Amino acid sequence: MIKKLFLLTAVICVSLAALAHEFWLQPLKFWLKKNEATNISILVGEDYKGEKSDWSKYKIQQLKHYSAEGAEDYTAHLSAADKSIIEAKFAKAGNHLIAFNNSNKFIELEAEKFNEYLETEGLGYIAELRKSQQNADKPGREFYQRCVKTLFKVGGKNDSTFAVNTGMRLELIPRQNPYTMKNGDQMTMQVLFDNQPVKGALVLAWNVVDEKTSVTRHTTNEAGEVMFPVTLKGRWMISSVHMTPYTASTEADWQSYWGSYTFGYY
């Protein structure tokens, strides 16, 4: 009996983990010298541990580089050998932001797994909508896309680039520059959808130090903001998911946007 319970628990944990796929940009280094080359991996996975994204399954809608000099298209910096790698090098000192958005991908989950997924990702408002529509026992048909950013510090200088709104539908925007904070300072992160604050969004703050991952969970206020302390170690990812009804066609019932913002102290 104990063995059966253990197996059931393991299956539930695995199913939930399989649904909770984060997507992020992970540079080899976040702090660079001027004109120092680095690679940025486009990763997908759980617990801030990932593998290269299969870029052949989607199209890139936006890949841009932002700095104090302005914005530029950065798609030419995709590696010719592996398009899950962005080859980066920055000539100007200051902060540099890379933003990536891909086209829709489709997934269909049986009702129980879809409901578990909604609970895991803090999408209770969608679960309630499904109940009110008497659809909670029906499969979840969903289009999803990613809206992700990563921030660099180049030449030992900082500027306001960290807070650029890149125009993606889901935006995570810090109120403080991660690279000017002191150890233990509170960071405020705002979640915007179509440039409007998202109230009640689940925001996860991930931190990896010496290959050990920690995560804290936060819920946005009416201004779409959360606050959490930042230690100046390792790499960070702030992530959130937003979902809306899909009305463009009958192919899917829901549209989700997965956002992340990465920075690090090396």
C-alpha atoms as a PDB file:
ATOM      1  CA  MET A   1       0.000   0.000   0.000  1.00  0.00           C
ATOM      2  CA  ILE A   2       2.829   2.391   0.915  1.00  0.00           C
ATOM      3  CA  LYS A   3       4.574   1.572  -2.334  1.00  0.00           C
ATOM      4  CA  LYS A   4       1.404   2.319  -4.316  1.00  0.00           C
ATOM      5  CA  LEU A   5       0.974   5.655  -2.531  1.00  0.00           C
ATOM      6  CA  PHE A   6       4.587   6.538  -3.231  1.00  0.00           C
ATOM      7  CA  LEU A   7       4.191   5.733  -6.911  1.00  0.00           C
ATOM      8  CA  LEU A   8       0.987   7.780  -7.118  1.00  0.00           C
ATOM      9  CA  THR A   9       2.696  10.762  -5.473  1.00  0.00           C
ATOM     10  CA  ALA A  10       5.670  10.437  -7.811  1.00  0.00           C
ATOM     11  CA  VAL A  11       3.407  10.367 -10.870  1.00  0.00           C
ATOM     12  CA  ILE A  12       1.550  13.491  -9.703  1.00  0.00           C
ATOM     13  CA  CYS A  13       4.821  15.330  -9.053  1.00  0.00           C
ATOM     14  CA  VAL A  14       6.213  14.356 -12.444  1.00  0.00           C
ATOM     15  CA  SER A  15       3.033  15.425 -14.252  1.00  0.00           C
ATOM     16  CA  LEU A  16       3.028  18.818 -12.559  1.00  0.00           C
ATOM     17  CA  ALA A  17       6.729  19.338 -13.252  1.00  0.00           C
ATOM     18  CA  ALA A  18       6.259  18.426 -16.896  1.00  0.00           C
ATOM     19  CA  LEU A  19       3.674  21.182 -17.249  1.00  0.00           C
ATOM     20  CA  ALA A  20       5.745  23.846 -15.492  1.00  0.00           C
ATOM     21  CA  HIS A  21       8.285  24.491 -18.241  1.00  0.00           C
ATOM     22  CA  GLU A  22      10.081  27.793 -17.850  1.00  0.00           C
ATOM     23  CA  PHE A  23      11.791  29.409 -20.833  1.00  0.00           C
ATOM     24  CA  TRP A  24      14.682  31.830 -20.505  1.00  0.00           C
ATOM     25  CA  LEU A  25      17.847  33.377 -21.924  1.00  0.00           C
ATOM     26  CA  GLN A  26      21.038  32.255 -20.153  1.00  0.00           C
ATOM     27  CA  PRO A  27      24.363  33.927 -21.013  1.00  0.00           C
ATOM     28  CA  LEU A  28      27.714  32.359 -20.218  1.00  0.00           C
ATOM     29  CA  LYS A  29      28.470  35.643 -18.403  1.00  0.00           C
ATOM     30  CA  PHE A  30      26.312  38.620 -17.411  1.00  0.00           C
ATOM     31  CA  TRP A  31      29.187  41.017 -16.684  1.00  0.00           C
ATOM     32  CA  LEU A  32      31.388  41.683 -19.707  1.00  0.00           C
ATOM     33  CA  LYS A  33      34.234  43.846 -20.859  1.00  0.00           C
ATOM     34  CA  LYS A  34      33.649  46.005 -23.917  1.00  0.00           C
ATOM     35  CA  ASN A  35      33.786  43.872 -27.089  1.00  0.00           C
ATOM     36  CA  GLU A  36      34.004  40.659 -25.046  1.00  0.00           C
ATOM     37  CA  ALA A  37      32.156  37.881 -26.868  1.00  0.00           C
ATOM     38  CA  THR A  38      29.669  35.634 -25.104  1.00  0.00           C
ATOM     39  CA  ASN A  39      26.965  33.143 -26.036  1.00  0.00           C
ATOM     40  CA  ILE A  40      23.359  33.303 -24.829  1.00  0.00           C
ATOM     41  CA  SER A  41      21.533  29.970 -24.700  1.00  0.00           C
ATOM     42  CA  ILE A  42      17.776  29.841 -25.334  1.00  0.00           C
ATOM     43  CA  LEU A  43      16.694  27.310 -22.717  1.00  0.00           C
ATOM     44  CA  VAL A  44      13.554  25.502 -21.589  1.00  0.00           C
ATOM     45  CA  GLY A  45      13.148  23.335 -18.488  1.00  0.00           C
ATOM     46  CA  GLU A  46      12.080  23.070 -14.870  1.00  0.00           C
ATOM     47  CA  ASP A  47      13.557  24.420 -11.639  1.00  0.00           C
ATOM     48  CA  TYR A  48      15.768  26.856 -13.580  1.00  0.00           C
ATOM     49  CA  LYS A  49      17.628  23.899 -15.069  1.00  0.00           C
ATOM     50  CA  GLY A  50      17.160  23.521 -18.781  1.00  0.00           C
ATOM     51  CA  GLU A  51      18.142  22.252 -22.158  1.00  0.00           C
ATOM     52  CA  LYS A  52      18.365  24.043 -25.474  1.00  0.00           C
ATOM     53  CA  SER A  53      15.034  25.008 -26.982  1.00  0.00           C
ATOM     54  CA  ASP A  54      14.042  23.288 -30.239  1.00  0.00           C
ATOM     55  CA  TRP A  55      13.981  26.411 -32.403  1.00  0.00           C
ATOM     56  CA  SER A  56      12.699  24.430 -35.416  1.00  0.00           C
ATOM     57  CA  LYS A  57       9.251  24.253 -33.799  1.00  0.00           C
ATOM     58  CA  TYR A  58       8.604  27.997 -33.818  1.00  0.00           C
ATOM     59  CA  LYS A  59       9.432  31.234 -35.599  1.00  0.00           C
ATOM     60  CA  ILE A  60      11.164  34.166 -33.944  1.00  0.00           C
ATOM     61  CA  GLN A  61       8.860  37.177 -33.856  1.00  0.00           C
ATOM     62  CA  GLN A  62      11.283  39.459 -32.054  1.00  0.00           C
ATOM     63  CA  LEU A  63      14.955  39.286 -31.188  1.00  0.00           C
ATOM     64  CA  LYS A  64      16.261  42.738 -30.312  1.00  0.00           C
ATOM     65  CA  HIS A  65      19.156  44.380 -28.531  1.00  0.00           C
ATOM     66  CA  TYR A  66      18.506  47.460 -26.382  1.00  0.00           C
ATOM     67  CA  SER A  67      21.105  49.853 -24.980  1.00  0.00           C
ATOM     68  CA  ALA A  68      21.558  53.547 -24.233  1.00  0.00           C
ATOM     69  CA  GLU A  69      22.172  53.904 -27.976  1.00  0.00           C
ATOM     70  CA  GLY A  70      18.657  52.644 -28.809  1.00  0.00           C
ATOM     71  CA  ALA A  71      17.286  49.392 -30.252  1.00  0.00           C
ATOM     72  CA  GLU A  72      18.452  47.138 -33.056  1.00  0.00           C
ATOM     73  CA  ASP A  73      17.289  43.902 -34.630  1.00  0.00           C
ATOM     74  CA  TYR A  74      19.544  41.101 -33.376  1.00  0.00           C
ATOM     75  CA  THR A  75      18.397  38.102 -35.422  1.00  0.00           C
ATOM     76  CA  ALA A  76      21.643  38.115 -37.406  1.00  0.00           C
ATOM     77  CA  HIS A  77      23.389  37.120 -34.166  1.00  0.00           C
ATOM     78  CA  LEU A  78      21.745  33.699 -34.055  1.00  0.00           C
ATOM     79  CA  SER A  79      24.419  31.055 -34.444  1.00  0.00           C
ATOM     80  CA  ALA A  80      24.487  29.628 -37.965  1.00  0.00           C
ATOM     81  CA  ALA A  81      25.255  26.206 -36.516  1.00  0.00           C
ATOM     82  CA  ASP A  82      22.736  26.255 -33.660  1.00  0.00           C
ATOM     83  CA  LYS A  83      19.838  28.717 -33.580  1.00  0.00           C
ATOM     84  CA  SER A  84      19.282  28.066 -29.880  1.00  0.00           C
ATOM     85  CA  ILE A  85      22.453  30.129 -29.359  1.00  0.00           C
ATOM     86  CA  ILE A  86      22.696  33.924 -29.671  1.00  0.00           C
ATOM     87  CA  GLU A  87      26.221  35.227 -30.223  1.00  0.00           C
ATOM     88  CA  ALA A  88      26.607  38.570 -28.445  1.00  0.00           C
ATOM     89  CA  LYS A  89      29.282  41.269 -28.170  1.00  0.00           C
ATOM     90  CA  PHE A  90      28.776  44.878 -27.056  1.00  0.00           C
ATOM     91  CA  ALA A  91      31.059  47.777 -27.984  1.00  0.00           C
ATOM     92  CA  LYS A  92      29.608  50.384 -25.608  1.00  0.00           C
ATOM     93  CA  ALA A  93      29.877  50.394 -21.815  1.00  0.00           C
ATOM     94  CA  GLY A  94      26.584  50.276 -19.917  1.00  0.00           C
ATOM     95  CA  ASN A  95      23.627  47.967 -19.623  1.00  0.00           C
ATOM     96  CA  HIS A  96      22.488  45.895 -22.573  1.00  0.00           C
ATOM     97  CA  LEU A  97      19.152  44.081 -22.790  1.00  0.00           C
ATOM     98  CA  ILE A  98      18.274  41.232 -25.145  1.00  0.00           C
ATOM     99  CA  ALA A  99      14.561  40.537 -25.727  1.00  0.00           C
ATOM    100  CA  PHE A 100      13.159  37.427 -27.443  1.00  0.00           C
ATOM    101  CA  ASN A 101       9.581  36.572 -28.469  1.00  0.00           C
ATOM    102  CA  ASN A 102       8.555  33.533 -30.507  1.00  0.00           C
ATOM    103  CA  SER A 103       5.452  32.523 -32.458  1.00  0.00           C
ATOM    104  CA  ASN A 104       2.628  30.424 -31.041  1.00  0.00           C
ATOM    105  CA  LYS A 105       2.960  26.745 -30.300  1.00  0.00           C
ATOM    106  CA  PHE A 106      -0.049  24.506 -29.625  1.00  0.00           C
ATOM    107  CA  ILE A 107      -0.663  22.038 -26.825  1.00  0.00           C
ATOM    108  CA  GLU A 108      -3.715  20.042 -25.734  1.00  0.00           C
ATOM    109  CA  LEU A 109      -3.950  18.522 -22.259  1.00  0.00           C
ATOM    110  CA  GLU A 110      -6.588  16.266 -20.774  1.00  0.00           C
ATOM    111  CA  ALA A 111      -8.877  18.055 -18.326  1.00  0.00           C
ATOM    112  CA  GLU A 112      -7.228  16.865 -15.103  1.00  0.00           C
ATOM    113  CA  LYS A 113      -3.708  17.778 -16.225  1.00  0.00           C
ATOM    114  CA  PHE A 114      -4.839  21.132 -17.589  1.00  0.00           C
ATOM    115  CA  ASN A 115      -6.580  21.974 -14.286  1.00  0.00           C
ATOM    116  CA  GLU A 116      -3.430  20.983 -12.354  1.00  0.00           C
ATOM    117  CA  TYR A 117      -1.364  23.182 -14.643  1.00  0.00           C
ATOM    118  CA  LEU A 118      -3.664  26.166 -14.037  1.00  0.00           C
ATOM    119  CA  GLU A 119      -3.300  25.700 -10.284  1.00  0.00           C
ATOM    120  CA  THR A 120       0.491  25.334 -10.465  1.00  0.00           C
ATOM    121  CA  GLU A 121       0.961  28.490 -12.530  1.00  0.00           C
ATOM    122  CA  GLY A 122      -1.379  30.688 -10.468  1.00  0.00           C
ATOM    123  CA  LEU A 123      -4.010  30.848 -13.219  1.00  0.00           C
ATOM    124  CA  GLY A 124      -6.999  30.375 -10.931  1.00  0.00           C
ATOM    125  CA  TYR A 125      -9.024  32.960 -12.820  1.00  0.00           C
ATOM    126  CA  ILE A 126      -8.914  30.714 -15.892  1.00  0.00           C
ATOM    127  CA  ALA A 127      -9.958  27.712 -13.788  1.00  0.00           C
ATOM    128  CA  GLU A 128     -12.920  29.700 -12.486  1.00  0.00           C
ATOM    129  CA  LEU A 129     -13.831  30.754 -16.012  1.00  0.00           C
ATOM    130  CA  ARG A 130     -13.764  27.134 -17.154  1.00  0.00           C
ATOM    131  CA  LYS A 131     -16.076  26.213 -14.280  1.00  0.00           C
ATOM    132  CA  SER A 132     -18.490  29.048 -15.055  1.00  0.00           C
ATOM    133  CA  GLN A 133     -18.579  27.873 -18.677  1.00  0.00           C
ATOM    134  CA  GLN A 134     -19.054  24.263 -17.499  1.00  0.00           C
ATOM    135  CA  ASN A 135     -15.856  23.302 -19.310  1.00  0.00           C
ATOM    136  CA  ALA A 136     -13.736  22.184 -16.347  1.00  0.00           C
ATOM    137  CA  ASP A 137     -14.034  18.544 -17.397  1.00  0.00           C
ATOM    138  CA  LYS A 138     -12.970  19.240 -20.988  1.00  0.00           C
ATOM    139  CA  PRO A 139      -9.399  19.138 -22.363  1.00  0.00           C
ATOM    140  CA  GLY A 140      -7.417  22.360 -22.394  1.00  0.00           C
ATOM    141  CA  ARG A 141      -6.462  23.489 -25.907  1.00  0.00           C
ATOM    142  CA  GLU A 142      -3.884  26.220 -25.738  1.00  0.00           C
ATOM    143  CA  PHE A 143      -1.587  28.346 -27.848  1.00  0.00           C
ATOM    144  CA  TYR A 144       1.469  29.614 -25.989  1.00  0.00           C
ATOM    145  CA  GLN A 145       4.421  31.855 -26.692  1.00  0.00           C
ATOM    146  CA  ARG A 146       7.421  33.254 -24.811  1.00  0.00           C
ATOM    147  CA  CYS A 147       8.371  36.842 -23.940  1.00  0.00           C
ATOM    148  CA  VAL A 148      11.829  36.762 -22.350  1.00  0.00           C
ATOM    149  CA  LYS A 149      14.717  39.112 -21.555  1.00  0.00           C
ATOM    150  CA  THR A 150      18.242  39.051 -20.180  1.00  0.00           C
ATOM    151  CA  LEU A 151      20.349  41.944 -18.811  1.00  0.00           C
ATOM    152  CA  PHE A 152      24.096  42.560 -19.115  1.00  0.00           C
ATOM    153  CA  LYS A 153      26.522  44.916 -17.411  1.00  0.00           C
ATOM    154  CA  VAL A 154      29.321  45.972 -19.803  1.00  0.00           C
ATOM    155  CA  GLY A 155      32.505  47.886 -19.045  1.00  0.00           C
ATOM    156  CA  GLY A 156      31.600  48.336 -15.390  1.00  0.00           C
ATOM    157  CA  LYS A 157      28.851  50.888 -16.153  1.00  0.00           C
ATOM    158  CA  ASN A 158      25.085  50.990 -15.594  1.00  0.00           C
ATOM    159  CA  ASP A 159      22.226  53.003 -17.064  1.00  0.00           C
ATOM    160  CA  SER A 160      18.432  52.921 -17.438  1.00  0.00           C
ATOM    161  CA  THR A 161      18.296  50.201 -20.115  1.00  0.00           C
ATOM    162  CA  PHE A 162      17.298  47.628 -17.481  1.00  0.00           C
ATOM    163  CA  ALA A 163      13.754  49.091 -17.427  1.00  0.00           C
ATOM    164  CA  VAL A 164      13.082  49.246 -21.175  1.00  0.00           C
ATOM    165  CA  ASN A 165       9.588  48.229 -22.282  1.00  0.00           C
ATOM    166  CA  THR A 166      10.337  46.163 -25.384  1.00  0.00           C
ATOM    167  CA  GLY A 167       6.764  46.059 -26.692  1.00  0.00           C
ATOM    168  CA  MET A 168       6.165  42.359 -26.120  1.00  0.00           C
ATOM    169  CA  ARG A 169       2.628  41.563 -24.974  1.00  0.00           C
ATOM    170  CA  LEU A 170       3.873  40.285 -21.594  1.00  0.00           C
ATOM    171  CA  GLU A 171       6.512  42.506 -20.016  1.00  0.00           C
ATOM    172  CA  LEU A 172       8.443  41.983 -16.771  1.00  0.00           C
ATOM    173  CA  ILE A 173      10.064  45.284 -15.808  1.00  0.00           C
ATOM    174  CA  PRO A 174      12.224  45.841 -12.692  1.00  0.00           C
ATOM    175  CA  ARG A 175      11.932  49.143 -10.859  1.00  0.00           C
ATOM    176  CA  GLN A 176      15.552  49.002  -9.688  1.00  0.00           C
ATOM    177  CA  ASN A 177      18.668  48.176 -11.655  1.00  0.00           C
ATOM    178  CA  PRO A 178      19.793  44.716 -10.444  1.00  0.00           C
ATOM    179  CA  TYR A 179      23.413  45.776 -10.920  1.00  0.00           C
ATOM    180  CA  THR A 180      23.246  48.823  -8.638  1.00  0.00           C
ATOM    181  CA  MET A 181      21.501  47.088  -5.737  1.00  0.00           C
ATOM    182  CA  LYS A 182      23.100  46.223  -2.410  1.00  0.00           C
ATOM    183  CA  ASN A 183      22.993  42.730  -0.980  1.00  0.00           C
ATOM    184  CA  GLY A 184      19.568  42.042   0.541  1.00  0.00           C
ATOM    185  CA  ASP A 185      17.864  45.059  -1.068  1.00  0.00           C
ATOM    186  CA  GLN A 186      14.240  44.653  -2.110  1.00  0.00           C
ATOM    187  CA  MET A 187      13.587  44.477  -5.830  1.00  0.00           C
ATOM    188  CA  THR A 188      10.232  45.575  -7.237  1.00  0.00           C
ATOM    189  CA  MET A 189       9.183  43.797 -10.427  1.00  0.00           C
ATOM    190  CA  GLN A 190       6.141  44.905 -12.428  1.00  0.00           C
ATOM    191  CA  VAL A 191       4.107  42.615 -14.696  1.00  0.00           C
ATOM    192  CA  LEU A 192       2.387  44.260 -17.670  1.00  0.00           C
ATOM    193  CA  PHE A 193       0.100  42.709 -20.269  1.00  0.00           C
ATOM    194  CA  ASP A 194      -0.631  44.895 -23.283  1.00  0.00           C
ATOM    195  CA  ASN A 195       0.974  47.697 -21.233  1.00  0.00           C
ATOM    196  CA  GLN A 196      -1.554  47.313 -18.408  1.00  0.00           C
ATOM    197  CA  PRO A 197      -0.639  46.154 -14.868  1.00  0.00           C
ATOM    198  CA  VAL A 198      -1.624  42.555 -14.128  1.00  0.00           C
ATOM    199  CA  LYS A 199      -3.187  42.168 -10.674  1.00  0.00           C
ATOM    200  CA  GLY A 200      -3.000  38.780  -8.949  1.00  0.00           C
ATOM    201  CA  ALA A 201      -0.290  37.310 -11.185  1.00  0.00           C
ATOM    202  CA  LEU A 202       1.967  34.638  -9.727  1.00  0.00           C
ATOM    203  CA  VAL A 203       5.622  35.690  -9.970  1.00  0.00           C
ATOM    204  CA  LEU A 204       8.450  33.266  -9.229  1.00  0.00           C
ATOM    205  CA  ALA A 205      11.884  34.542  -8.190  1.00  0.00           C
ATOM    206  CA  TRP A 206      14.502  31.867  -8.933  1.00  0.00           C
ATOM    207  CA  ASN A 207      18.112  31.977  -7.756  1.00  0.00           C
ATOM    208  CA  VAL A 208      20.886  29.497  -8.544  1.00  0.00           C
ATOM    209  CA  VAL A 209      24.043  29.629  -6.409  1.00  0.00           C
ATOM    210  CA  ASP A 210      26.665  26.863  -6.584  1.00  0.00           C
ATOM    211  CA  GLU A 211      24.212  24.762  -8.632  1.00  0.00           C
ATOM    212  CA  LYS A 212      21.613  24.910  -5.843  1.00  0.00           C
ATOM    213  CA  THR A 213      18.244  26.385  -6.841  1.00  0.00           C
ATOM    214  CA  SER A 214      15.887  28.285  -4.575  1.00  0.00           C
ATOM    215  CA  VAL A 215      12.574  29.883  -5.514  1.00  0.00           C
ATOM    216  CA  THR A 216      10.080  32.172  -3.806  1.00  0.00           C
ATOM    217  CA  ARG A 217       6.462  32.776  -4.868  1.00  0.00           C
ATOM    218  CA  HIS A 218       4.826  36.206  -4.964  1.00  0.00           C
ATOM    219  CA  THR A 219       1.486  37.668  -6.093  1.00  0.00           C
ATOM    220  CA  THR A 220       1.214  41.038  -7.803  1.00  0.00           C
ATOM    221  CA  ASN A 221      -0.749  43.900  -6.264  1.00  0.00           C
ATOM    222  CA  GLU A 222      -3.110  46.282  -8.099  1.00  0.00           C
ATOM    223  CA  ALA A 223      -0.128  48.017  -9.686  1.00  0.00           C
ATOM    224  CA  GLY A 224       1.040  44.654 -11.045  1.00  0.00           C
ATOM    225  CA  GLU A 225       4.052  44.703  -8.723  1.00  0.00           C
ATOM    226  CA  VAL A 226       5.790  42.314  -6.353  1.00  0.00           C
ATOM    227  CA  MET A 227       8.753  42.827  -4.008  1.00  0.00           C
ATOM    228  CA  PHE A 228      11.441  40.344  -2.958  1.00  0.00           C
ATOM    229  CA  PRO A 229      14.983  40.528  -1.541  1.00  0.00           C
ATOM    230  CA  VAL A 230      17.945  39.974  -3.847  1.00  0.00           C
ATOM    231  CA  THR A 231      21.271  38.488  -2.823  1.00  0.00           C
ATOM    232  CA  LEU A 232      24.172  39.439  -5.079  1.00  0.00           C
ATOM    233  CA  LYS A 233      25.142  35.858  -5.896  1.00  0.00           C
ATOM    234  CA  GLY A 234      24.681  33.456  -8.775  1.00  0.00           C
ATOM    235  CA  ARG A 235      22.052  33.915 -11.451  1.00  0.00           C
ATOM    236  CA  TRP A 236      18.439  35.032 -11.153  1.00  0.00           C
ATOM    237  CA  MET A 237      15.299  34.450 -13.178  1.00  0.00           C
ATOM    238  CA  ILE A 238      11.994  36.207 -12.512  1.00  0.00           C
ATOM    239  CA  SER A 239       9.116  34.473 -14.293  1.00  0.00           C
ATOM    240  CA  SER A 240       5.364  34.773 -14.707  1.00  0.00           C
ATOM    241  CA  VAL A 241       2.585  33.376 -16.926  1.00  0.00           C
ATOM    242  CA  HIS A 242      -0.500  35.178 -18.205  1.00  0.00           C
ATOM    243  CA  MET A 243      -3.422  33.506 -19.992  1.00  0.00           C
ATOM    244  CA  THR A 244      -6.424  34.861 -21.890  1.00  0.00           C
ATOM    245  CA  PRO A 245      -9.300  33.299 -23.861  1.00  0.00           C
ATOM    246  CA  TYR A 246      -8.323  32.613 -27.470  1.00  0.00           C
ATOM    247  CA  THR A 247     -10.925  33.988 -29.857  1.00  0.00           C
ATOM    248  CA  ALA A 248      -9.092  34.258 -33.195  1.00  0.00           C
ATOM    249  CA  SER A 249     -10.295  30.827 -34.335  1.00  0.00           C
ATOM    250  CA  THR A 250     -11.686  27.518 -33.054  1.00  0.00           C
ATOM    251  CA  GLU A 251      -8.240  25.878 -33.022  1.00  0.00           C
ATOM    252  CA  ALA A 252      -7.678  26.637 -29.338  1.00  0.00           C
ATOM    253  CA  ASP A 253      -9.581  27.913 -26.313  1.00  0.00           C
ATOM    254  CA  TRP A 254      -6.719  29.688 -24.510  1.00  0.00           C
ATOM    255  CA  GLN A 255      -3.649  31.786 -25.233  1.00  0.00           C
ATOM    256  CA  SER A 256      -0.798  31.981 -22.733  1.00  0.00           C
ATOM    257  CA  TYR A 257       2.295  34.151 -22.549  1.00  0.00           C
ATOM    258  CA  TRP A 258       5.322  33.017 -20.567  1.00  0.00           C
ATOM    259  CA  GLY A 259       7.611  35.807 -19.403  1.00  0.00           C
ATOM    260  CA  SER A 260      11.045  35.747 -17.802  1.00  0.00           C
ATOM    261  CA  TYR A 261      13.775  38.238 -16.943  1.00  0.00           C
ATOM    262  CA  THR A 262      17.281  36.986 -16.162  1.00  0.00           C
ATOM    263  CA  PHE A 263      20.307  38.666 -14.614  1.00  0.00           C
ATOM    264  CA  GLY A 264      23.350  37.469 -12.696  1.00  0.00           C
ATOM    265  CA  TYR A 265      26.375  38.403 -10.653  1.00  0.00           C
ATOM    266  CA  TYR A 266      29.291  36.989 -12.647  1.00  0.00           C
END
